Amino acid sequence: MLAAHFLQSISAFKQHCREELGIPPAEFVRLQCLEWAAELLLHNPGTMVEEIVWQVGYRDVDNFREHFKAHFKQTPTAWRQNCSRE
């Protein structure tokens, strides 16, 4: 869909993203979703983690937690608790 939006073939779009961002487009989107989730966790303390998972486009809570922990080096719940203390 993004490639079509930019009037490029899929392979050309992927190559352009790698050249400009240093990562494939899917990785860029995943990282943006994780950053968005981190903001939602911080600013919506009453919202369950599972609800935020759906809001940012993940469909699998365990997959989200795995990606979140790999990126932020802590679970979503721990991140929320640690950031709210600062």
PDB file of N, CA and C in Angstrom:
ATOM      1  N   MET A   1       0.828  -1.181   0.000  1.00  0.00           N
ATOM      2  CA  MET A   1       0.000   0.000   0.000  1.00  0.00           C
ATOM      3  C   MET A   1       0.881   1.257   0.000  1.00  0.00           C
ATOM      4  N   LEU A   2       1.932   1.240   0.838  1.00  0.00           N
ATOM      5  CA  LEU A   2       2.823   2.403   0.875  1.00  0.00           C
ATOM      6  C   LEU A   2       3.573   2.577  -0.441  1.00  0.00           C
ATOM      7  N   ALA A   3       4.011   1.468  -1.009  1.00  0.00           N
ATOM      8  CA  ALA A   3       4.720   1.551  -2.290  1.00  0.00           C
ATOM      9  C   ALA A   3       3.824   2.183  -3.350  1.00  0.00           C
ATOM     10  N   ALA A   4       2.569   1.774  -3.399  1.00  0.00           N
ATOM     11  CA  ALA A   4       1.631   2.339  -4.366  1.00  0.00           C
ATOM     12  C   ALA A   4       1.408   3.829  -4.101  1.00  0.00           C
ATOM     13  N   HIS A   5       1.326   4.202  -2.835  1.00  0.00           N
ATOM     14  CA  HIS A   5       1.137   5.611  -2.482  1.00  0.00           C
ATOM     15  C   HIS A   5       2.276   6.470  -3.037  1.00  0.00           C
ATOM     16  N   PHE A   6       3.497   5.942  -3.010  1.00  0.00           N
ATOM     17  CA  PHE A   6       4.661   6.672  -3.501  1.00  0.00           C
ATOM     18  C   PHE A   6       4.979   6.357  -4.964  1.00  0.00           C
ATOM     19  N   LEU A   7       4.043   5.663  -5.613  1.00  0.00           N
ATOM     20  CA  LEU A   7       4.176   5.321  -7.037  1.00  0.00           C
ATOM     21  C   LEU A   7       5.476   4.583  -7.331  1.00  0.00           C
ATOM     22  N   GLN A   8       5.771   3.591  -6.467  1.00  0.00           N
ATOM     23  CA  GLN A   8       6.965   2.780  -6.640  1.00  0.00           C
ATOM     24  C   GLN A   8       6.569   1.307  -6.610  1.00  0.00           C
ATOM     25  N   SER A   9       7.422   0.500  -7.196  1.00  0.00           N
ATOM     26  CA  SER A   9       7.225  -0.938  -7.043  1.00  0.00           C
ATOM     27  C   SER A   9       7.558  -1.297  -5.595  1.00  0.00           C
ATOM     28  N   ILE A  10       7.112  -2.453  -5.159  1.00  0.00           N
ATOM     29  CA  ILE A  10       7.382  -2.877  -3.782  1.00  0.00           C
ATOM     30  C   ILE A  10       8.887  -2.989  -3.551  1.00  0.00           C
ATOM     31  N   SER A  11       9.590  -3.594  -4.482  1.00  0.00           N
ATOM     32  CA  SER A  11      11.040  -3.761  -4.297  1.00  0.00           C
ATOM     33  C   SER A  11      11.765  -2.417  -4.283  1.00  0.00           C
ATOM     34  N   ALA A  12      11.356  -1.496  -5.144  1.00  0.00           N
ATOM     35  CA  ALA A  12      11.977  -0.171  -5.158  1.00  0.00           C
ATOM     36  C   ALA A  12      11.686   0.579  -3.868  1.00  0.00           C
ATOM     37  N   PHE A  13      10.470   0.450  -3.357  1.00  0.00           N
ATOM     38  CA  PHE A  13      10.105   1.107  -2.104  1.00  0.00           C
ATOM     39  C   PHE A  13      10.922   0.550  -0.945  1.00  0.00           C
ATOM     40  N   LYS A  14      11.049  -0.773  -0.874  1.00  0.00           N
ATOM     41  CA  LYS A  14      11.845  -1.392   0.193  1.00  0.00           C
ATOM     42  C   LYS A  14      13.298  -0.926   0.123  1.00  0.00           C
ATOM     43  N   GLN A  15      13.830  -0.888  -1.068  1.00  0.00           N
ATOM     44  CA  GLN A  15      15.218  -0.453  -1.259  1.00  0.00           C
ATOM     45  C   GLN A  15      15.380   1.011  -0.840  1.00  0.00           C
ATOM     46  N   HIS A  16      14.448   1.847  -1.231  1.00  0.00           N
ATOM     47  CA  HIS A  16      14.499   3.272  -0.879  1.00  0.00           C
ATOM     48  C   HIS A  16      14.448   3.442   0.644  1.00  0.00           C
ATOM     49  N   CYS A  17      13.585   2.698   1.305  1.00  0.00           N
ATOM     50  CA  CYS A  17      13.484   2.777   2.769  1.00  0.00           C
ATOM     51  C   CYS A  17      14.783   2.348   3.433  1.00  0.00           C
ATOM     52  N   ARG A  18      15.351   1.275   2.940  1.00  0.00           N
ATOM     53  CA  ARG A  18      16.618   0.807   3.529  1.00  0.00           C
ATOM     54  C   ARG A  18      17.712   1.852   3.351  1.00  0.00           C
ATOM     55  N   GLU A  19      17.722   2.500   2.193  1.00  0.00           N
ATOM     56  CA  GLU A  19      18.737   3.533   1.945  1.00  0.00           C
ATOM     57  C   GLU A  19      18.512   4.756   2.835  1.00  0.00           C
ATOM     58  N   GLU A  20      17.271   5.171   2.984  1.00  0.00           N
ATOM     59  CA  GLU A  20      16.956   6.381   3.749  1.00  0.00           C
ATOM     60  C   GLU A  20      16.917   6.158   5.260  1.00  0.00           C
ATOM     61  N   LEU A  21      16.367   5.023   5.683  1.00  0.00           N
ATOM     62  CA  LEU A  21      16.149   4.776   7.116  1.00  0.00           C
ATOM     63  C   LEU A  21      17.133   3.778   7.721  1.00  0.00           C
ATOM     64  N   GLY A  22      17.754   2.994   6.858  1.00  0.00           N
ATOM     65  CA  GLY A  22      18.669   1.980   7.341  1.00  0.00           C
ATOM     66  C   GLY A  22      17.990   0.693   7.791  1.00  0.00           C
ATOM     67  N   ILE A  23      16.676   0.637   7.650  1.00  0.00           N
ATOM     68  CA  ILE A  23      15.904  -0.549   8.038  1.00  0.00           C
ATOM     69  C   ILE A  23      14.778  -0.746   7.028  1.00  0.00           C
ATOM     70  N   PRO A  24      14.255  -1.963   6.941  1.00  0.00           N
ATOM     71  CA  PRO A  24      13.125  -2.218   6.038  1.00  0.00           C
ATOM     72  C   PRO A  24      11.873  -1.472   6.519  1.00  0.00           C
ATOM     73  N   PRO A  25      10.937  -1.205   5.619  1.00  0.00           N
ATOM     74  CA  PRO A  25       9.727  -0.474   6.001  1.00  0.00           C
ATOM     75  C   PRO A  25       8.921  -1.155   7.107  1.00  0.00           C
ATOM     76  N   ALA A  26       8.846  -2.475   7.092  1.00  0.00           N
ATOM     77  CA  ALA A  26       8.078  -3.177   8.129  1.00  0.00           C
ATOM     78  C   ALA A  26       8.699  -2.953   9.504  1.00  0.00           C
ATOM     79  N   GLU A  27      10.016  -2.929   9.571  1.00  0.00           N
ATOM     80  CA  GLU A  27      10.711  -2.675  10.838  1.00  0.00           C
ATOM     81  C   GLU A  27      10.448  -1.241  11.311  1.00  0.00           C
ATOM     82  N   PHE A  28      10.462  -0.298  10.388  1.00  0.00           N
ATOM     83  CA  PHE A  28      10.173   1.093  10.736  1.00  0.00           C
ATOM     84  C   PHE A  28       8.760   1.228  11.318  1.00  0.00           C
ATOM     85  N   VAL A  29       7.804   0.597  10.680  1.00  0.00           N
ATOM     86  CA  VAL A  29       6.419   0.652  11.164  1.00  0.00           C
ATOM     87  C   VAL A  29       6.318   0.002  12.540  1.00  0.00           C
ATOM     88  N   ARG A  30       6.974  -1.134  12.726  1.00  0.00           N
ATOM     89  CA  ARG A  30       6.949  -1.818  14.018  1.00  0.00           C
ATOM     90  C   ARG A  30       7.525  -0.933  15.116  1.00  0.00           C
ATOM     91  N   LEU A  31       8.637  -0.279  14.844  1.00  0.00           N
ATOM     92  CA  LEU A  31       9.256   0.603  15.840  1.00  0.00           C
ATOM     93  C   LEU A  31       8.366   1.799  16.155  1.00  0.00           C
ATOM     94  N   GLN A  32       7.704   2.327  15.147  1.00  0.00           N
ATOM     95  CA  GLN A  32       6.787   3.448  15.378  1.00  0.00           C
ATOM     96  C   GLN A  32       5.627   3.008  16.262  1.00  0.00           C
ATOM     97  N   CYS A  33       5.113   1.808  16.034  1.00  0.00           N
ATOM     98  CA  CYS A  33       4.023   1.283  16.873  1.00  0.00           C
ATOM     99  C   CYS A  33       4.474   1.106  18.317  1.00  0.00           C
ATOM    100  N   LEU A  34       5.687   0.637  18.520  1.00  0.00           N
ATOM    101  CA  LEU A  34       6.204   0.461  19.875  1.00  0.00           C
ATOM    102  C   LEU A  34       6.381   1.813  20.577  1.00  0.00           C
ATOM    103  N   GLU A  35       6.866   2.804  19.857  1.00  0.00           N
ATOM    104  CA  GLU A  35       7.014   4.144  20.441  1.00  0.00           C
ATOM    105  C   GLU A  35       5.650   4.734  20.796  1.00  0.00           C
ATOM    106  N   TRP A  36       4.686   4.530  19.928  1.00  0.00           N
ATOM    107  CA  TRP A  36       3.325   5.008  20.181  1.00  0.00           C
ATOM    108  C   TRP A  36       2.755   4.305  21.415  1.00  0.00           C
ATOM    109  N   ALA A  37       2.972   3.002  21.507  1.00  0.00           N
ATOM    110  CA  ALA A  37       2.496   2.241  22.660  1.00  0.00           C
ATOM    111  C   ALA A  37       3.135   2.753  23.949  1.00  0.00           C
ATOM    112  N   ALA A  38       4.417   3.055  23.906  1.00  0.00           N
ATOM    113  CA  ALA A  38       5.101   3.568  25.096  1.00  0.00           C
ATOM    114  C   ALA A  38       4.469   4.877  25.560  1.00  0.00           C
ATOM    115  N   GLU A  39       4.135   5.742  24.617  1.00  0.00           N
ATOM    116  CA  GLU A  39       3.470   7.009  24.969  1.00  0.00           C
ATOM    117  C   GLU A  39       2.089   6.755  25.563  1.00  0.00           C
ATOM    118  N   LEU A  40       1.346   5.851  24.963  1.00  0.00           N
ATOM    119  CA  LEU A  40       0.013   5.534  25.475  1.00  0.00           C
ATOM    120  C   LEU A  40       0.088   4.926  26.874  1.00  0.00           C
ATOM    121  N   LEU A  41       1.066   4.078  27.103  1.00  0.00           N
ATOM    122  CA  LEU A  41       1.233   3.479  28.426  1.00  0.00           C
ATOM    123  C   LEU A  41       1.505   4.547  29.477  1.00  0.00           C
ATOM    124  N   LEU A  42       2.310   5.504  29.124  1.00  0.00           N
ATOM    125  CA  LEU A  42       2.672   6.559  30.066  1.00  0.00           C
ATOM    126  C   LEU A  42       1.515   7.508  30.343  1.00  0.00           C
ATOM    127  N   HIS A  43       0.805   7.898  29.305  1.00  0.00           N
ATOM    128  CA  HIS A  43      -0.228   8.934  29.437  1.00  0.00           C
ATOM    129  C   HIS A  43      -1.624   8.397  29.729  1.00  0.00           C
ATOM    130  N   ASN A  44      -1.766   7.090  29.750  1.00  0.00           N
ATOM    131  CA  ASN A  44      -3.062   6.466  30.033  1.00  0.00           C
ATOM    132  C   ASN A  44      -2.892   5.372  31.081  1.00  0.00           C
ATOM    133  N   PRO A  45      -2.566   5.762  32.309  1.00  0.00           N
ATOM    134  CA  PRO A  45      -2.256   4.751  33.324  1.00  0.00           C
ATOM    135  C   PRO A  45      -3.416   3.827  33.667  1.00  0.00           C
ATOM    136  N   GLY A  46      -4.641   4.235  33.412  1.00  0.00           N
ATOM    137  CA  GLY A  46      -5.787   3.387  33.715  1.00  0.00           C
ATOM    138  C   GLY A  46      -6.148   2.415  32.610  1.00  0.00           C
ATOM    139  N   THR A  47      -5.491   2.513  31.482  1.00  0.00           N
ATOM    140  CA  THR A  47      -5.792   1.648  30.348  1.00  0.00           C
ATOM    141  C   THR A  47      -4.958   0.377  30.429  1.00  0.00           C
ATOM    142  N   MET A  48      -5.616  -0.748  30.261  1.00  0.00           N
ATOM    143  CA  MET A  48      -4.908  -2.028  30.315  1.00  0.00           C
ATOM    144  C   MET A  48      -3.930  -2.156  29.145  1.00  0.00           C
ATOM    145  N   VAL A  49      -2.828  -2.834  29.407  1.00  0.00           N
ATOM    146  CA  VAL A  49      -1.814  -3.054  28.367  1.00  0.00           C
ATOM    147  C   VAL A  49      -2.445  -3.705  27.147  1.00  0.00           C
ATOM    148  N   GLU A  50      -3.315  -4.693  27.364  1.00  0.00           N
ATOM    149  CA  GLU A  50      -3.938  -5.405  26.244  1.00  0.00           C
ATOM    150  C   GLU A  50      -4.717  -4.452  25.341  1.00  0.00           C
ATOM    151  N   GLU A  51      -5.373  -3.477  25.909  1.00  0.00           N
ATOM    152  CA  GLU A  51      -6.121  -2.512  25.090  1.00  0.00           C
ATOM    153  C   GLU A  51      -5.177  -1.654  24.253  1.00  0.00           C
ATOM    154  N   ILE A  52      -4.072  -1.265  24.839  1.00  0.00           N
ATOM    155  CA  ILE A  52      -3.086  -0.475  24.095  1.00  0.00           C
ATOM    156  C   ILE A  52      -2.486  -1.293  22.964  1.00  0.00           C
ATOM    157  N   VAL A  53      -2.290  -2.580  23.204  1.00  0.00           N
ATOM    158  CA  VAL A  53      -1.781  -3.472  22.161  1.00  0.00           C
ATOM    159  C   VAL A  53      -2.667  -3.390  20.926  1.00  0.00           C
ATOM    160  N   TRP A  54      -3.983  -3.467  21.125  1.00  0.00           N
ATOM    161  CA  TRP A  54      -4.920  -3.414  19.984  1.00  0.00           C
ATOM    162  C   TRP A  54      -4.890  -2.034  19.346  1.00  0.00           C
ATOM    163  N   GLN A  55      -4.793  -0.977  20.164  1.00  0.00           N
ATOM    164  CA  GLN A  55      -4.808   0.396  19.633  1.00  0.00           C
ATOM    165  C   GLN A  55      -3.646   0.660  18.676  1.00  0.00           C
ATOM    166  N   VAL A  56      -2.494   0.085  18.954  1.00  0.00           N
ATOM    167  CA  VAL A  56      -1.332   0.350  18.102  1.00  0.00           C
ATOM    168  C   VAL A  56      -1.191  -0.630  16.945  1.00  0.00           C
ATOM    169  N   GLY A  57      -2.145  -1.542  16.816  1.00  0.00           N
ATOM    170  CA  GLY A  57      -2.175  -2.391  15.633  1.00  0.00           C
ATOM    171  C   GLY A  57      -1.654  -3.802  15.799  1.00  0.00           C
ATOM    172  N   TYR A  58      -1.208  -4.161  16.977  1.00  0.00           N
ATOM    173  CA  TYR A  58      -0.798  -5.549  17.204  1.00  0.00           C
ATOM    174  C   TYR A  58      -2.033  -6.402  17.410  1.00  0.00           C
ATOM    175  N   ARG A  59      -1.954  -7.646  17.025  1.00  0.00           N
ATOM    176  CA  ARG A  59      -3.073  -8.570  17.205  1.00  0.00           C
ATOM    177  C   ARG A  59      -2.728  -9.681  18.195  1.00  0.00           C
ATOM    178  N   ASP A  60      -1.470  -9.744  18.597  1.00  0.00           N
ATOM    179  CA  ASP A  60      -1.021 -10.795  19.499  1.00  0.00           C
ATOM    180  C   ASP A  60      -0.293 -10.139  20.677  1.00  0.00           C
ATOM    181  N   VAL A  61      -0.861 -10.266  21.858  1.00  0.00           N
ATOM    182  CA  VAL A  61      -0.314  -9.612  23.053  1.00  0.00           C
ATOM    183  C   VAL A  61       1.080 -10.139  23.379  1.00  0.00           C
ATOM    184  N   ASP A  62       1.274 -11.445  23.291  1.00  0.00           N
ATOM    185  CA  ASP A  62       2.589 -12.013  23.605  1.00  0.00           C
ATOM    186  C   ASP A  62       3.655 -11.523  22.633  1.00  0.00           C
ATOM    187  N   ASN A  63       3.319 -11.432  21.365  1.00  0.00           N
ATOM    188  CA  ASN A  63       4.239 -10.922  20.353  1.00  0.00           C
ATOM    189  C   ASN A  63       4.591  -9.470  20.662  1.00  0.00           C
ATOM    190  N   PHE A  64       3.580  -8.678  21.018  1.00  0.00           N
ATOM    191  CA  PHE A  64       3.823  -7.279  21.376  1.00  0.00           C
ATOM    192  C   PHE A  64       4.773  -7.194  22.569  1.00  0.00           C
ATOM    193  N   ARG A  65       4.495  -7.963  23.609  1.00  0.00           N
ATOM    194  CA  ARG A  65       5.347  -7.918  24.813  1.00  0.00           C
ATOM    195  C   ARG A  65       6.795  -8.292  24.483  1.00  0.00           C
ATOM    196  N   GLU A  66       6.958  -9.284  23.630  1.00  0.00           N
ATOM    197  CA  GLU A  66       8.301  -9.707  23.214  1.00  0.00           C
ATOM    198  C   GLU A  66       9.023  -8.571  22.483  1.00  0.00           C
ATOM    199  N   HIS A  67       8.340  -7.936  21.538  1.00  0.00           N
ATOM    200  CA  HIS A  67       8.940  -6.830  20.792  1.00  0.00           C
ATOM    201  C   HIS A  67       9.213  -5.633  21.704  1.00  0.00           C
ATOM    202  N   PHE A  68       8.274  -5.334  22.604  1.00  0.00           N
ATOM    203  CA  PHE A  68       8.428  -4.196  23.510  1.00  0.00           C
ATOM    204  C   PHE A  68       9.647  -4.413  24.405  1.00  0.00           C
ATOM    205  N   LYS A  69       9.763  -5.601  24.966  1.00  0.00           N
ATOM    206  CA  LYS A  69      10.887  -5.889  25.859  1.00  0.00           C
ATOM    207  C   LYS A  69      12.212  -5.850  25.103  1.00  0.00           C
ATOM    208  N   ALA A  70      12.235  -6.330  23.889  1.00  0.00           N
ATOM    209  CA  ALA A  70      13.462  -6.290  23.086  1.00  0.00           C
ATOM    210  C   ALA A  70      13.870  -4.842  22.790  1.00  0.00           C
ATOM    211  N   HIS A  71      12.896  -3.973  22.568  1.00  0.00           N
ATOM    212  CA  HIS A  71      13.193  -2.581  22.218  1.00  0.00           C
ATOM    213  C   HIS A  71      13.503  -1.728  23.443  1.00  0.00           C
ATOM    214  N   PHE A  72      12.699  -1.854  24.500  1.00  0.00           N
ATOM    215  CA  PHE A  72      12.838  -0.992  25.676  1.00  0.00           C
ATOM    216  C   PHE A  72      13.583  -1.654  26.838  1.00  0.00           C
ATOM    217  N   LYS A  73      13.945  -2.917  26.684  1.00  0.00           N
ATOM    218  CA  LYS A  73      14.688  -3.670  27.702  1.00  0.00           C
ATOM    219  C   LYS A  73      13.907  -3.882  28.995  1.00  0.00           C
ATOM    220  N   GLN A  74      12.590  -3.793  28.917  1.00  0.00           N
ATOM    221  CA  GLN A  74      11.714  -4.106  30.041  1.00  0.00           C
ATOM    222  C   GLN A  74      10.306  -4.340  29.518  1.00  0.00           C
ATOM    223  N   THR A  75       9.494  -4.980  30.337  1.00  0.00           N
ATOM    224  CA  THR A  75       8.123  -5.274  29.928  1.00  0.00           C
ATOM    225  C   THR A  75       7.318  -3.982  29.866  1.00  0.00           C
ATOM    226  N   PRO A  76       6.179  -3.991  29.165  1.00  0.00           N
ATOM    227  CA  PRO A  76       5.336  -2.796  29.129  1.00  0.00           C
ATOM    228  C   PRO A  76       4.900  -2.346  30.524  1.00  0.00           C
ATOM    229  N   THR A  77       4.551  -3.282  31.386  1.00  0.00           N
ATOM    230  CA  THR A  77       4.117  -2.923  32.743  1.00  0.00           C
ATOM    231  C   THR A  77       5.264  -2.302  33.536  1.00  0.00           C
ATOM    232  N   ALA A  78       6.436  -2.893  33.465  1.00  0.00           N
ATOM    233  CA  ALA A  78       7.600  -2.342  34.166  1.00  0.00           C
ATOM    234  C   ALA A  78       7.955  -0.969  33.619  1.00  0.00           C
ATOM    235  N   TRP A  79       7.890  -0.808  32.303  1.00  0.00           N
ATOM    236  CA  TRP A  79       8.188   0.483  31.690  1.00  0.00           C
ATOM    237  C   TRP A  79       7.229   1.551  32.197  1.00  0.00           C
ATOM    238  N   ARG A  80       5.957   1.207  32.235  1.00  0.00           N
ATOM    239  CA  ARG A  80       4.938   2.147  32.719  1.00  0.00           C
ATOM    240  C   ARG A  80       5.234   2.544  34.159  1.00  0.00           C
ATOM    241  N   GLN A  81       5.537   1.579  35.014  1.00  0.00           N
ATOM    242  CA  GLN A  81       5.806   1.861  36.424  1.00  0.00           C
ATOM    243  C   GLN A  81       7.069   2.698  36.584  1.00  0.00           C
ATOM    244  N   ASN A  82       8.131   2.347  35.877  1.00  0.00           N
ATOM    245  CA  ASN A  82       9.385   3.070  36.003  1.00  0.00           C
ATOM    246  C   ASN A  82       9.298   4.493  35.463  1.00  0.00           C
ATOM    247  N   CYS A  83       8.601   4.689  34.366  1.00  0.00           N
ATOM    248  CA  CYS A  83       8.482   6.022  33.783  1.00  0.00           C
ATOM    249  C   CYS A  83       7.554   6.923  34.598  1.00  0.00           C
ATOM    250  N   SER A  84       6.561   6.355  35.238  1.00  0.00           N
ATOM    251  CA  SER A  84       5.631   7.179  36.009  1.00  0.00           C
ATOM    252  C   SER A  84       6.291   7.691  37.291  1.00  0.00           C
ATOM    253  N   ARG A  85       7.365   7.047  37.743  1.00  0.00           N
ATOM    254  CA  ARG A  85       8.083   7.483  38.947  1.00  0.00           C
ATOM    255  C   ARG A  85       9.022   8.648  38.662  1.00  0.00           C
ATOM    256  N   GLU A  86       9.395   8.816  37.411  1.00  0.00           N
ATOM    257  CA  GLU A  86      10.384   9.855  37.047  1.00  0.00           C
ATOM    258  C   GLU A  86       9.776  11.219  37.027  1.00  0.00           C
TER     259      GLU A  86
END
